[in-house]
Protein backbone atom coordinates (compact mmCIF):
# COMPACT_ATOMS: atom_id res chain seq x y z
CA MET A 1 -17.68 41.58 56.20
CA ASP A 2 -19.76 44.35 57.71
CA GLU A 3 -20.08 44.85 61.47
CA GLU A 4 -23.73 43.74 61.63
CA ARG A 5 -22.96 40.43 59.90
CA LYS A 6 -19.96 39.91 62.20
CA ARG A 7 -22.13 40.48 65.30
CA GLU A 8 -24.73 38.00 63.98
CA ILE A 9 -22.09 35.34 63.38
CA LEU A 10 -20.46 35.76 66.80
CA ALA A 11 -23.82 35.77 68.61
CA GLY A 12 -24.92 32.63 66.74
CA LEU A 13 -21.70 30.83 67.61
CA ALA A 14 -22.09 31.84 71.27
CA ARG A 15 -25.62 30.37 71.29
CA GLN A 16 -24.42 27.11 69.70
CA SER A 17 -21.64 26.79 72.30
CA ARG A 18 -23.97 26.62 75.30
CA GLY A 19 -23.80 23.27 77.05
CA THR A 20 -20.87 22.06 74.91
CA LEU A 21 -17.15 21.50 75.35
CA MET A 22 -16.60 25.06 74.16
CA GLU A 23 -18.56 26.35 77.15
CA THR A 24 -16.77 23.94 79.51
CA LEU A 25 -13.36 25.19 78.33
CA GLY A 26 -14.47 28.82 78.18
CA ILE A 27 -13.86 29.11 74.43
CA ARG A 28 -15.49 32.22 73.03
CA TYR A 29 -15.64 33.47 69.46
CA VAL A 30 -14.24 36.98 69.36
CA ASP A 31 -13.77 38.15 65.76
CA ALA A 32 -14.63 37.18 62.20
CA GLY A 33 -13.92 38.27 58.67
CA GLU A 34 -13.95 36.98 55.11
CA GLY A 35 -12.22 33.59 55.23
CA TRP A 36 -11.21 33.68 58.89
CA LEU A 37 -12.52 33.35 62.44
CA GLU A 38 -10.94 33.97 65.86
CA ALA A 39 -11.67 32.40 69.24
CA ALA A 40 -10.11 32.95 72.66
CA MET A 41 -9.61 30.77 75.71
CA ASP A 42 -8.28 31.71 79.14
CA VAL A 43 -5.57 29.47 80.55
CA ASP A 44 -5.73 28.53 84.22
CA ALA A 45 -5.14 25.48 86.41
CA THR A 46 -8.40 23.86 85.26
CA LYS A 47 -6.81 23.42 81.81
CA HIS A 48 -3.38 22.29 83.01
CA GLN A 49 -1.86 18.86 82.75
CA PRO A 50 -0.07 17.46 85.83
CA MET A 51 3.18 19.35 85.06
CA GLY A 52 1.37 22.67 85.58
CA ILE A 53 1.22 23.78 81.95
CA LEU A 54 -1.64 23.95 79.47
CA HIS A 55 -2.86 20.50 78.41
CA GLY A 56 -2.30 19.91 74.71
CA GLY A 57 -5.81 18.52 74.42
CA ALA A 58 -7.25 21.87 75.50
CA THR A 59 -5.17 23.63 72.85
CA ALA A 60 -6.31 21.07 70.26
CA ALA A 61 -9.94 21.60 71.30
CA LEU A 62 -9.51 25.35 70.83
CA ALA A 63 -7.98 24.86 67.38
CA GLU A 64 -10.60 22.36 66.20
CA SER A 65 -13.44 24.44 67.62
CA VAL A 66 -12.46 27.59 65.75
CA GLY A 67 -11.76 25.74 62.49
CA SER A 68 -15.00 23.78 62.65
CA ALA A 69 -17.01 26.89 63.42
CA ALA A 70 -15.31 28.69 60.53
CA SER A 71 -16.44 25.95 58.14
CA GLY A 72 -19.97 26.26 59.48
CA VAL A 73 -19.88 30.00 58.85
CA MET A 74 -18.60 29.41 55.31
CA LEU A 75 -21.42 26.98 54.55
CA GLY A 76 -24.06 29.28 56.03
CA ASP A 77 -27.55 28.33 54.88
CA SER A 78 -26.36 26.07 52.04
CA GLY A 79 -28.08 23.02 53.52
CA ARG A 80 -24.69 21.32 54.01
CA SER A 81 -22.54 20.79 57.09
CA ALA A 82 -18.87 20.13 57.75
CA VAL A 83 -17.32 17.76 60.28
CA GLY A 84 -13.71 17.28 61.28
CA LEU A 85 -11.74 14.73 59.30
CA GLU A 86 -8.19 15.33 60.51
CA LEU A 87 -6.49 17.61 63.00
CA ALA A 88 -2.71 18.01 63.12
CA ILE A 89 -1.22 20.24 65.79
CA ASN A 90 2.26 21.19 66.88
CA HIS A 91 2.64 22.49 70.44
CA LEU A 92 5.48 25.02 70.31
CA ARG A 93 5.45 26.96 73.57
CA PRO A 94 4.10 26.07 77.02
CA SER A 95 1.48 28.27 78.61
CA ARG A 96 0.55 28.49 82.29
CA ASP A 97 -1.89 31.41 82.36
CA GLY A 98 -3.27 34.30 80.35
CA THR A 99 -5.45 34.24 77.25
CA LEU A 100 -4.81 32.37 74.03
CA THR A 101 -6.26 33.48 70.71
CA ALA A 102 -6.72 31.03 67.85
CA ARG A 103 -7.17 32.31 64.31
CA ALA A 104 -8.45 29.93 61.65
CA GLU A 105 -7.68 31.02 58.09
CA ALA A 106 -9.00 29.21 55.05
CA LEU A 107 -6.36 27.55 52.89
CA HIS A 108 -8.88 25.70 50.69
CA ILE A 109 -12.65 25.92 50.48
CA GLY A 110 -13.82 23.20 48.13
CA ARG A 111 -17.08 21.49 47.40
CA ARG A 112 -16.19 18.41 49.50
CA THR A 113 -13.40 19.60 51.82
CA HIS A 114 -12.26 22.67 53.70
CA LEU A 115 -8.68 23.09 54.90
CA TRP A 116 -7.87 25.52 57.71
CA GLN A 117 -4.60 26.80 59.10
CA ILE A 118 -4.95 27.69 62.77
CA ARG A 119 -2.39 29.73 64.70
CA VAL A 120 -2.71 29.86 68.48
CA VAL A 121 -0.92 32.80 70.08
CA ASP A 122 -0.55 34.12 73.60
CA GLU A 123 -1.25 37.67 74.79
CA ARG A 124 2.20 38.78 73.61
CA GLY A 125 1.61 37.42 70.10
CA ARG A 126 3.97 34.48 70.60
CA LEU A 127 3.09 31.32 68.71
CA VAL A 128 1.93 28.64 71.17
CA ALA A 129 0.66 26.11 68.63
CA ALA A 130 0.24 25.69 64.88
CA SER A 131 -2.48 23.48 63.51
CA LYS A 132 -4.04 22.25 60.30
CA LEU A 133 -7.65 21.07 60.22
CA THR A 134 -9.32 19.21 57.36
CA MET A 135 -13.11 19.28 57.31
CA ILE A 136 -15.31 17.07 55.15
CA VAL A 137 -18.46 18.68 53.77
CA THR A 138 -21.63 16.60 54.00
CA SER A 139 -24.41 16.74 51.46
CA GLY A 140 -27.05 17.16 54.19
CA ARG A 141 -27.41 19.52 57.09
CA ILE A 142 -26.44 18.44 60.62
CA ASP A 143 -28.36 20.85 62.80
CA PRO A 144 -27.10 21.53 66.31
CA PRO A 145 -29.58 20.96 69.12
CA VAL A 146 -31.55 23.95 70.24
CA ARG A 147 -29.87 25.50 73.29
CA GLU A 148 -32.02 27.14 75.94
CA GLU A 149 -31.41 30.81 76.68
CA GLY A 150 -29.88 31.50 80.02
């Protein structure tokens, strides 16, 4: 994937994230390539559960967000969309602060389903969570709402 295409993809995903859970959690798309996409999320007290560590739901939202967005990138202008069918996630290491990076890599890109492996790592490259996301591909396009600039 060339740099111009990568910039277009990342800018488009940033626009689509405005006013969504991704914006609320501070999830940002940071890198892309053929068959993969990366997103990052800062960990702070606003994403903790009562024990003072990252809430598993925030980690799951990061994983599903990057996998879902990767399917959307794969489908491009095909006139089809993909929506989440199943998310499985294993939380392997607690996190209290810092930045997590989630990388979705395609395991299967079929006509009706996409399967993504998502690894969530901390700043030191340690595996925080491992996830698998199955997406179902629809025959019609589900267009996101238009987000205002700002």
